[in-house]
Amino acid sequence: MTFNNWLLDFDEWVVSLSLNRSDQNNLLNSDTLFELGQICSVIEENQSIRVVILQGQGKHFSAGMDPEIIKNRLALSLQSNRDFILQQQRCLDRFESLSKMTIAKLRGFCYGGGLILALCCDFRIASQRTVFSLPEVRLGIPILWGTQRITRIVGIAAAKELILLAKRINAASAKEYGLVHQVVAPSKLDQSVDTLAKKLVNMPLNALSTVKHIIDNSYGLPVRACEDLELDSLKLLTRSKDNQQIDIKK
């Protein structure tokens, strides 16, 4: 299966999902997101896929949302734009909720919508040369794909600092904020991502998927509601072959 804006490279249990718009610094547009939604169905249905590596072709992960998209829709009605953005938001939600483990491999620009897309991943590993920014406010537009994604990860105070001041930060600062899990030398980026992918591949898939679901859906809920989510997972895990693979001697 081929897509206009994405490349898929399958390697046993791992699929590399590459944004293929390097001539435009991997700017995101509506087509890239709608295709992403379709790709999520392909990934979810493929039982052999355990890990997804998200990356950008060329020098940059993504320079964010193509500003022409917003300019071209200024004359349309509020309801039309709401429906349009809602469709895009649902594509990101679909990617974020994948049962497979996801790793963002970050290099070059990681701006705006590109950063929001990376935050949809379970893990983020960045090259030391990666630059991060949320420039939307400076451009006079709100963040439409995930203010809460940022806030949940870095906290309210840091989110306001990053968003309202449109700060541009390096990879070391991004790690201090909690935006990324690891920062490595550019020459070590591929190896570091592959090492993490292999580690995840060798862990019980059903347990990973179930706990991911609990973590993602329990944030902000009362403790009792979180515990109910954990109890609901018992049916899935007790019927899984995962717990039959446990070696208590390890």
C-alpha atoms as a PDB file:
ATOM      1  CA  MET A   1       0.000   0.000   0.000  1.00  0.00           C
ATOM      2  CA  THR A   2       1.378   3.412  -0.999  1.00  0.00           C
ATOM      3  CA  PHE A   3       0.550   6.916   0.198  1.00  0.00           C
ATOM      4  CA  ASN A   4       1.281  10.348  -1.222  1.00  0.00           C
ATOM      5  CA  ASN A   5       2.772  11.823   1.940  1.00  0.00           C
ATOM      6  CA  TRP A   6       4.094   8.856   3.902  1.00  0.00           C
ATOM      7  CA  LEU A   7       6.526   5.980   3.463  1.00  0.00           C
ATOM      8  CA  LEU A   8       6.092   2.691   5.325  1.00  0.00           C
ATOM      9  CA  ASP A   9       9.076   0.389   5.791  1.00  0.00           C
ATOM     10  CA  PHE A  10       8.346  -2.956   7.453  1.00  0.00           C
ATOM     11  CA  ASP A  11      11.116  -4.825   9.274  1.00  0.00           C
ATOM     12  CA  GLU A  12       9.834  -7.879  11.138  1.00  0.00           C
ATOM     13  CA  TRP A  13       7.959  -6.532  14.175  1.00  0.00           C
ATOM     14  CA  VAL A  14       8.739  -2.867  13.512  1.00  0.00           C
ATOM     15  CA  VAL A  15       7.366  -0.428  10.955  1.00  0.00           C
ATOM     16  CA  SER A  16       9.079   2.891  10.190  1.00  0.00           C
ATOM     17  CA  LEU A  17       6.515   5.540   9.301  1.00  0.00           C
ATOM     18  CA  SER A  18       8.196   8.442   7.515  1.00  0.00           C
ATOM     19  CA  LEU A  19       6.652  11.788   6.607  1.00  0.00           C
ATOM     20  CA  ASN A  20       7.730  12.141   3.000  1.00  0.00           C
ATOM     21  CA  ARG A  21       7.668  15.889   2.256  1.00  0.00           C
ATOM     22  CA  SER A  22      11.342  16.694   2.743  1.00  0.00           C
ATOM     23  CA  ASP A  23      11.280  19.288  -0.044  1.00  0.00           C
ATOM     24  CA  GLN A  24       8.954  21.325   2.201  1.00  0.00           C
ATOM     25  CA  ASN A  25      10.659  20.519   5.506  1.00  0.00           C
ATOM     26  CA  ASN A  26       7.909  17.957   6.098  1.00  0.00           C
ATOM     27  CA  LEU A  27       5.197  20.545   6.577  1.00  0.00           C
ATOM     28  CA  LEU A  28       1.905  18.987   7.585  1.00  0.00           C
ATOM     29  CA  ASN A  29      -1.309  19.576   5.671  1.00  0.00           C
ATOM     30  CA  SER A  30      -4.789  18.098   5.731  1.00  0.00           C
ATOM     31  CA  ASP A  31      -3.820  15.297   3.336  1.00  0.00           C
ATOM     32  CA  THR A  32      -0.920  14.157   5.536  1.00  0.00           C
ATOM     33  CA  LEU A  33      -3.239  13.864   8.533  1.00  0.00           C
ATOM     34  CA  PHE A  34      -6.076  12.168   6.675  1.00  0.00           C
ATOM     35  CA  GLU A  35      -3.599   9.664   5.273  1.00  0.00           C
ATOM     36  CA  LEU A  36      -2.235   9.154   8.773  1.00  0.00           C
ATOM     37  CA  GLY A  37      -5.711   8.144   9.872  1.00  0.00           C
ATOM     38  CA  GLN A  38      -5.840   5.544   7.087  1.00  0.00           C
ATOM     39  CA  ILE A  39      -2.362   4.274   7.980  1.00  0.00           C
ATOM     40  CA  CYS A  40      -3.462   3.769  11.585  1.00  0.00           C
ATOM     41  CA  SER A  41      -6.064   1.260  10.382  1.00  0.00           C
ATOM     42  CA  VAL A  42      -3.388  -0.587   8.397  1.00  0.00           C
ATOM     43  CA  ILE A  43      -1.062  -0.695  11.404  1.00  0.00           C
ATOM     44  CA  GLU A  44      -3.739  -1.736  13.875  1.00  0.00           C
ATOM     45  CA  GLU A  45      -4.950  -4.585  11.687  1.00  0.00           C
ATOM     46  CA  ASN A  46      -1.438  -5.954  11.099  1.00  0.00           C
ATOM     47  CA  GLN A  47      -0.844  -8.374  13.969  1.00  0.00           C
ATOM     48  CA  SER A  48       2.870  -8.661  13.218  1.00  0.00           C
ATOM     49  CA  ILE A  49       3.507  -4.978  13.998  1.00  0.00           C
ATOM     50  CA  ARG A  50       4.543  -4.314  17.585  1.00  0.00           C
ATOM     51  CA  VAL A  51       6.395  -0.999  17.322  1.00  0.00           C
ATOM     52  CA  VAL A  52       5.976   2.079  15.114  1.00  0.00           C
ATOM     53  CA  ILE A  53       8.901   4.451  14.557  1.00  0.00           C
ATOM     54  CA  LEU A  54       7.678   7.883  13.463  1.00  0.00           C
ATOM     55  CA  GLN A  55      10.173  10.071  11.621  1.00  0.00           C
ATOM     56  CA  GLY A  56      10.617  12.618   8.852  1.00  0.00           C
ATOM     57  CA  GLN A  57      12.463  12.048   5.605  1.00  0.00           C
ATOM     58  CA  GLY A  58      15.498  14.260   5.098  1.00  0.00           C
ATOM     59  CA  LYS A  59      16.999  16.699   7.588  1.00  0.00           C
ATOM     60  CA  HIS A  60      13.904  17.594   9.593  1.00  0.00           C
ATOM     61  CA  PHE A  61      11.167  15.844  11.519  1.00  0.00           C
ATOM     62  CA  SER A  62       8.559  18.496  10.671  1.00  0.00           C
ATOM     63  CA  ALA A  63       8.421  22.278  10.433  1.00  0.00           C
ATOM     64  CA  GLY A  64       4.775  22.180  11.532  1.00  0.00           C
ATOM     65  CA  MET A  65       1.482  22.947   9.833  1.00  0.00           C
ATOM     66  CA  ASP A  66       1.568  24.486   6.375  1.00  0.00           C
ATOM     67  CA  PRO A  67       0.404  28.119   6.943  1.00  0.00           C
ATOM     68  CA  GLU A  68      -1.210  28.149   3.507  1.00  0.00           C
ATOM     69  CA  ILE A  69      -3.868  25.791   4.854  1.00  0.00           C
ATOM     70  CA  ILE A  70      -5.063  28.446   7.285  1.00  0.00           C
ATOM     71  CA  LYS A  71      -4.858  31.275   4.748  1.00  0.00           C
ATOM     72  CA  ASN A  72      -6.898  29.324   2.221  1.00  0.00           C
ATOM     73  CA  ARG A  73      -9.725  28.785   4.705  1.00  0.00           C
ATOM     74  CA  LEU A  74     -10.105  32.301   6.094  1.00  0.00           C
ATOM     75  CA  ALA A  75     -13.148  33.043   3.936  1.00  0.00           C
ATOM     76  CA  LEU A  76     -15.014  29.874   4.932  1.00  0.00           C
ATOM     77  CA  SER A  77     -17.638  29.690   7.661  1.00  0.00           C
ATOM     78  CA  LEU A  78     -16.826  29.015  11.300  1.00  0.00           C
ATOM     79  CA  GLN A  79     -18.740  25.731  11.227  1.00  0.00           C
ATOM     80  CA  SER A  80     -16.906  24.580   8.112  1.00  0.00           C
ATOM     81  CA  ASN A  81     -13.554  25.275   9.758  1.00  0.00           C
ATOM     82  CA  ARG A  82     -14.627  23.601  13.001  1.00  0.00           C
ATOM     83  CA  ASP A  83     -15.596  20.443  11.111  1.00  0.00           C
ATOM     84  CA  PHE A  84     -12.354  20.543   9.112  1.00  0.00           C
ATOM     85  CA  ILE A  85     -10.145  20.862  12.194  1.00  0.00           C
ATOM     86  CA  LEU A  86     -12.167  18.243  14.075  1.00  0.00           C
ATOM     87  CA  GLN A  87     -11.372  15.721  11.338  1.00  0.00           C
ATOM     88  CA  GLN A  88      -7.672  16.506  11.714  1.00  0.00           C
ATOM     89  CA  GLN A  89      -7.847  16.227  15.496  1.00  0.00           C
ATOM     90  CA  ARG A  90      -9.452  12.806  15.189  1.00  0.00           C
ATOM     91  CA  CYS A  91      -6.622  11.606  12.952  1.00  0.00           C
ATOM     92  CA  LEU A  92      -4.107  12.566  15.649  1.00  0.00           C
ATOM     93  CA  ASP A  93      -6.304  10.960  18.308  1.00  0.00           C
ATOM     94  CA  ARG A  94      -6.359   7.783  16.246  1.00  0.00           C
ATOM     95  CA  PHE A  95      -2.576   7.700  16.017  1.00  0.00           C
ATOM     96  CA  GLU A  96      -2.148   8.460  19.716  1.00  0.00           C
ATOM     97  CA  SER A  97      -4.510   5.634  20.680  1.00  0.00           C
ATOM     98  CA  LEU A  98      -2.748   2.925  18.648  1.00  0.00           C
ATOM     99  CA  SER A  99      -2.371  -0.259  20.674  1.00  0.00           C
ATOM    100  CA  LYS A 100       1.163  -0.631  19.273  1.00  0.00           C
ATOM    101  CA  MET A 101       4.108   1.125  20.903  1.00  0.00           C
ATOM    102  CA  THR A 102       5.193   4.330  19.149  1.00  0.00           C
ATOM    103  CA  ILE A 103       8.576   6.082  19.100  1.00  0.00           C
ATOM    104  CA  ALA A 104       9.252   9.511  17.607  1.00  0.00           C
ATOM    105  CA  LYS A 105      12.721   9.876  16.052  1.00  0.00           C
ATOM    106  CA  LEU A 106      13.408  13.610  16.100  1.00  0.00           C
ATOM    107  CA  ARG A 107      15.991  15.601  14.186  1.00  0.00           C
ATOM    108  CA  GLY A 108      16.194  19.091  12.719  1.00  0.00           C
ATOM    109  CA  PHE A 109      13.001  21.154  13.045  1.00  0.00           C
ATOM    110  CA  CYS A 110      10.269  19.924  15.371  1.00  0.00           C
ATOM    111  CA  TYR A 111       7.860  22.847  15.236  1.00  0.00           C
ATOM    112  CA  GLY A 112       4.191  23.489  15.896  1.00  0.00           C
ATOM    113  CA  GLY A 113       1.994  20.702  14.614  1.00  0.00           C
ATOM    114  CA  GLY A 114       5.080  18.549  14.151  1.00  0.00           C
ATOM    115  CA  LEU A 115       5.782  18.755  17.867  1.00  0.00           C
ATOM    116  CA  ILE A 116       2.141  17.985  18.645  1.00  0.00           C
ATOM    117  CA  LEU A 117       2.397  14.912  16.405  1.00  0.00           C
ATOM    118  CA  ALA A 118       5.556  13.796  18.225  1.00  0.00           C
ATOM    119  CA  LEU A 119       3.770  14.205  21.564  1.00  0.00           C
ATOM    120  CA  CYS A 120       1.236  11.622  20.382  1.00  0.00           C
ATOM    121  CA  CYS A 121       4.018   9.011  20.593  1.00  0.00           C
ATOM    122  CA  ASP A 122       4.777   6.941  23.675  1.00  0.00           C
ATOM    123  CA  PHE A 123       8.494   7.743  23.485  1.00  0.00           C
ATOM    124  CA  ARG A 124      10.517  10.554  21.928  1.00  0.00           C
ATOM    125  CA  ILE A 125      14.244  10.422  21.212  1.00  0.00           C
ATOM    126  CA  ALA A 126      15.937  13.517  19.800  1.00  0.00           C
ATOM    127  CA  SER A 127      19.233  14.368  18.200  1.00  0.00           C
ATOM    128  CA  GLN A 128      21.248  17.000  20.051  1.00  0.00           C
ATOM    129  CA  ARG A 129      20.716  19.262  17.042  1.00  0.00           C
ATOM    130  CA  THR A 130      16.910  19.126  17.131  1.00  0.00           C
ATOM    131  CA  VAL A 131      15.181  22.488  17.585  1.00  0.00           C
ATOM    132  CA  PHE A 132      11.708  22.742  19.139  1.00  0.00           C
ATOM    133  CA  SER A 133       9.159  25.531  18.941  1.00  0.00           C
ATOM    134  CA  LEU A 134       5.448  26.260  19.205  1.00  0.00           C
ATOM    135  CA  PRO A 135       5.219  29.452  17.101  1.00  0.00           C
ATOM    136  CA  GLU A 136       1.428  29.574  16.660  1.00  0.00           C
ATOM    137  CA  VAL A 137       0.715  32.455  19.055  1.00  0.00           C
ATOM    138  CA  ARG A 138       3.420  34.567  17.424  1.00  0.00           C
ATOM    139  CA  LEU A 139       1.656  33.929  14.099  1.00  0.00           C
ATOM    140  CA  GLY A 140      -1.684  34.977  15.559  1.00  0.00           C
ATOM    141  CA  ILE A 141      -3.310  31.541  15.623  1.00  0.00           C
ATOM    142  CA  PRO A 142      -4.186  29.160  18.458  1.00  0.00           C
ATOM    143  CA  ILE A 143      -2.856  25.648  18.884  1.00  0.00           C
ATOM    144  CA  LEU A 144      -5.649  23.536  17.447  1.00  0.00           C
ATOM    145  CA  TRP A 145      -4.289  20.004  17.762  1.00  0.00           C
ATOM    146  CA  GLY A 146      -3.375  19.574  21.360  1.00  0.00           C
ATOM    147  CA  THR A 147      -2.891  22.286  23.962  1.00  0.00           C
ATOM    148  CA  GLN A 148      -3.705  19.630  26.540  1.00  0.00           C
ATOM    149  CA  ARG A 149      -1.183  17.222  25.050  1.00  0.00           C
ATOM    150  CA  ILE A 150       1.525  19.736  25.898  1.00  0.00           C
ATOM    151  CA  THR A 151       0.081  20.625  29.298  1.00  0.00           C
ATOM    152  CA  ARG A 152      -0.252  16.993  30.382  1.00  0.00           C
ATOM    153  CA  ILE A 153       3.393  16.364  29.629  1.00  0.00           C
ATOM    154  CA  VAL A 154       5.116  19.516  30.898  1.00  0.00           C
ATOM    155  CA  GLY A 155       2.555  20.996  33.330  1.00  0.00           C
ATOM    156  CA  ILE A 156       0.547  24.221  33.218  1.00  0.00           C
ATOM    157  CA  ALA A 157       3.345  26.674  34.058  1.00  0.00           C
ATOM    158  CA  ALA A 158       5.785  25.244  31.512  1.00  0.00           C
ATOM    159  CA  ALA A 159       3.047  24.939  28.880  1.00  0.00           C
ATOM    160  CA  LYS A 160       2.257  28.644  29.221  1.00  0.00           C
ATOM    161  CA  GLU A 161       5.941  29.492  28.934  1.00  0.00           C
ATOM    162  CA  LEU A 162       6.391  27.404  25.787  1.00  0.00           C
ATOM    163  CA  ILE A 163       3.126  28.357  24.083  1.00  0.00           C
ATOM    164  CA  LEU A 164       2.495  31.975  25.071  1.00  0.00           C
ATOM    165  CA  LEU A 165       6.092  33.075  24.551  1.00  0.00           C
ATOM    166  CA  ALA A 166       6.519  30.926  21.421  1.00  0.00           C
ATOM    167  CA  LYS A 167       9.929  29.907  22.747  1.00  0.00           C
ATOM    168  CA  ARG A 168      12.422  28.155  20.527  1.00  0.00           C
ATOM    169  CA  ILE A 169      14.485  25.657  22.523  1.00  0.00           C
ATOM    170  CA  ASN A 170      17.229  23.141  21.905  1.00  0.00           C
ATOM    171  CA  ALA A 171      17.090  19.421  22.621  1.00  0.00           C
ATOM    172  CA  ALA A 172      18.698  19.707  26.064  1.00  0.00           C
ATOM    173  CA  SER A 173      16.039  22.210  27.151  1.00  0.00           C
ATOM    174  CA  ALA A 174      13.319  20.022  25.634  1.00  0.00           C
ATOM    175  CA  LYS A 175      14.483  17.171  27.859  1.00  0.00           C
ATOM    176  CA  GLU A 176      14.429  19.434  30.907  1.00  0.00           C
ATOM    177  CA  TYR A 177      10.828  20.357  30.094  1.00  0.00           C
ATOM    178  CA  GLY A 178       9.974  16.665  29.661  1.00  0.00           C
ATOM    179  CA  LEU A 179       9.142  16.942  25.962  1.00  0.00           C
ATOM    180  CA  VAL A 180      11.616  14.174  25.066  1.00  0.00           C
ATOM    181  CA  HIS A 181      12.881  11.087  26.880  1.00  0.00           C
ATOM    182  CA  GLN A 182      16.401  10.925  25.460  1.00  0.00           C
ATOM    183  CA  VAL A 183      18.826  13.275  23.728  1.00  0.00           C
ATOM    184  CA  VAL A 184      21.671  11.650  21.816  1.00  0.00           C
ATOM    185  CA  ALA A 185      24.421  12.598  19.406  1.00  0.00           C
ATOM    186  CA  PRO A 186      23.194  12.803  15.793  1.00  0.00           C
ATOM    187  CA  SER A 187      25.334   9.800  14.876  1.00  0.00           C
ATOM    188  CA  LYS A 188      23.680   7.750  17.646  1.00  0.00           C
ATOM    189  CA  LEU A 189      20.044   8.613  16.887  1.00  0.00           C
ATOM    190  CA  ASP A 190      19.237   5.625  14.674  1.00  0.00           C
ATOM    191  CA  GLN A 191      20.968   3.206  17.023  1.00  0.00           C
ATOM    192  CA  SER A 192      19.219   4.598  20.115  1.00  0.00           C
ATOM    193  CA  VAL A 193      15.781   4.358  18.517  1.00  0.00           C
ATOM    194  CA  ASP A 194      16.463   0.829  17.250  1.00  0.00           C
ATOM    195  CA  THR A 195      17.637  -0.256  20.708  1.00  0.00           C
ATOM    196  CA  LEU A 196      14.433   0.995  22.315  1.00  0.00           C
ATOM    197  CA  ALA A 197      12.322  -0.598  19.588  1.00  0.00           C
ATOM    198  CA  LYS A 198      13.977  -3.982  20.129  1.00  0.00           C
ATOM    199  CA  LYS A 199      13.433  -3.717  23.871  1.00  0.00           C
ATOM    200  CA  LEU A 200       9.725  -3.046  23.351  1.00  0.00           C
ATOM    201  CA  VAL A 201       9.405  -5.840  20.787  1.00  0.00           C
ATOM    202  CA  ASN A 202      10.680  -8.324  23.364  1.00  0.00           C
ATOM    203  CA  MET A 203       8.161  -7.294  26.013  1.00  0.00           C
ATOM    204  CA  PRO A 204       4.629  -8.758  26.345  1.00  0.00           C
ATOM    205  CA  LEU A 205       2.553  -6.918  23.736  1.00  0.00           C
ATOM    206  CA  ASN A 206      -0.856  -7.280  25.380  1.00  0.00           C
ATOM    207  CA  ALA A 207       0.454  -6.064  28.708  1.00  0.00           C
ATOM    208  CA  LEU A 208       2.118  -3.060  27.054  1.00  0.00           C
ATOM    209  CA  SER A 209      -1.025  -2.168  25.112  1.00  0.00           C
ATOM    210  CA  THR A 210      -3.293  -2.549  28.120  1.00  0.00           C
ATOM    211  CA  VAL A 211      -1.154  -0.460  30.449  1.00  0.00           C
ATOM    212  CA  LYS A 212      -0.719   2.182  27.728  1.00  0.00           C
ATOM    213  CA  HIS A 213      -4.511   2.398  27.478  1.00  0.00           C
ATOM    214  CA  ILE A 214      -4.836   2.776  31.252  1.00  0.00           C
ATOM    215  CA  ILE A 215      -2.188   5.501  31.461  1.00  0.00           C
ATOM    216  CA  ASP A 216      -3.604   7.459  28.520  1.00  0.00           C
ATOM    217  CA  ASN A 217      -7.213   7.277  29.688  1.00  0.00           C
ATOM    218  CA  SER A 218      -6.868   7.638  33.460  1.00  0.00           C
ATOM    219  CA  TYR A 219      -5.109  11.005  33.569  1.00  0.00           C
ATOM    220  CA  GLY A 220      -7.231  13.430  35.570  1.00  0.00           C
ATOM    221  CA  LEU A 221      -9.728  10.787  36.704  1.00  0.00           C
ATOM    222  CA  PRO A 222     -10.474  10.079  40.372  1.00  0.00           C
ATOM    223  CA  VAL A 223      -8.414   7.268  41.891  1.00  0.00           C
ATOM    224  CA  ARG A 224     -11.422   4.958  42.046  1.00  0.00           C
ATOM    225  CA  ALA A 225     -12.104   5.395  38.324  1.00  0.00           C
ATOM    226  CA  CYS A 226      -8.439   4.646  37.563  1.00  0.00           C
ATOM    227  CA  GLU A 227      -8.599   1.506  39.659  1.00  0.00           C
ATOM    228  CA  ASP A 228     -11.696   0.417  37.748  1.00  0.00           C
ATOM    229  CA  LEU A 229      -9.732   0.716  34.502  1.00  0.00           C
ATOM    230  CA  GLU A 230      -7.092  -1.548  36.010  1.00  0.00           C
ATOM    231  CA  LEU A 231      -9.731  -4.068  37.056  1.00  0.00           C
ATOM    232  CA  ASP A 232     -11.236  -4.021  33.569  1.00  0.00           C
ATOM    233  CA  SER A 233      -7.842  -5.017  32.194  1.00  0.00           C
ATOM    234  CA  LEU A 234      -7.863  -8.276  34.154  1.00  0.00           C
ATOM    235  CA  LYS A 235     -10.100 -10.004  31.605  1.00  0.00           C
ATOM    236  CA  LEU A 236      -7.710  -9.147  28.794  1.00  0.00           C
ATOM    237  CA  LEU A 237      -4.516 -10.125  30.577  1.00  0.00           C
ATOM    238  CA  THR A 238      -5.735 -13.322  32.227  1.00  0.00           C
ATOM    239  CA  ARG A 239      -6.765 -14.658  28.828  1.00  0.00           C
ATOM    240  CA  SER A 240      -3.534 -13.532  27.221  1.00  0.00           C
ATOM    241  CA  LYS A 241      -0.532 -15.707  26.491  1.00  0.00           C
ATOM    242  CA  ASP A 242       1.645 -12.940  27.927  1.00  0.00           C
ATOM    243  CA  ASN A 243       1.456 -14.207  31.491  1.00  0.00           C
ATOM    244  CA  GLN A 244       2.342 -17.700  30.314  1.00  0.00           C
ATOM    245  CA  GLN A 245       5.711 -16.373  29.135  1.00  0.00           C
ATOM    246  CA  ILE A 246       6.777 -15.028  32.518  1.00  0.00           C
ATOM    247  CA  ASP A 247      10.042 -16.388  33.887  1.00  0.00           C
ATOM    248  CA  ILE A 248       9.976 -15.679  37.634  1.00  0.00           C
ATOM    249  CA  LYS A 249      13.675 -16.492  37.872  1.00  0.00           C
ATOM    250  CA  LYS A 250      14.639 -13.391  35.882  1.00  0.00           C
END
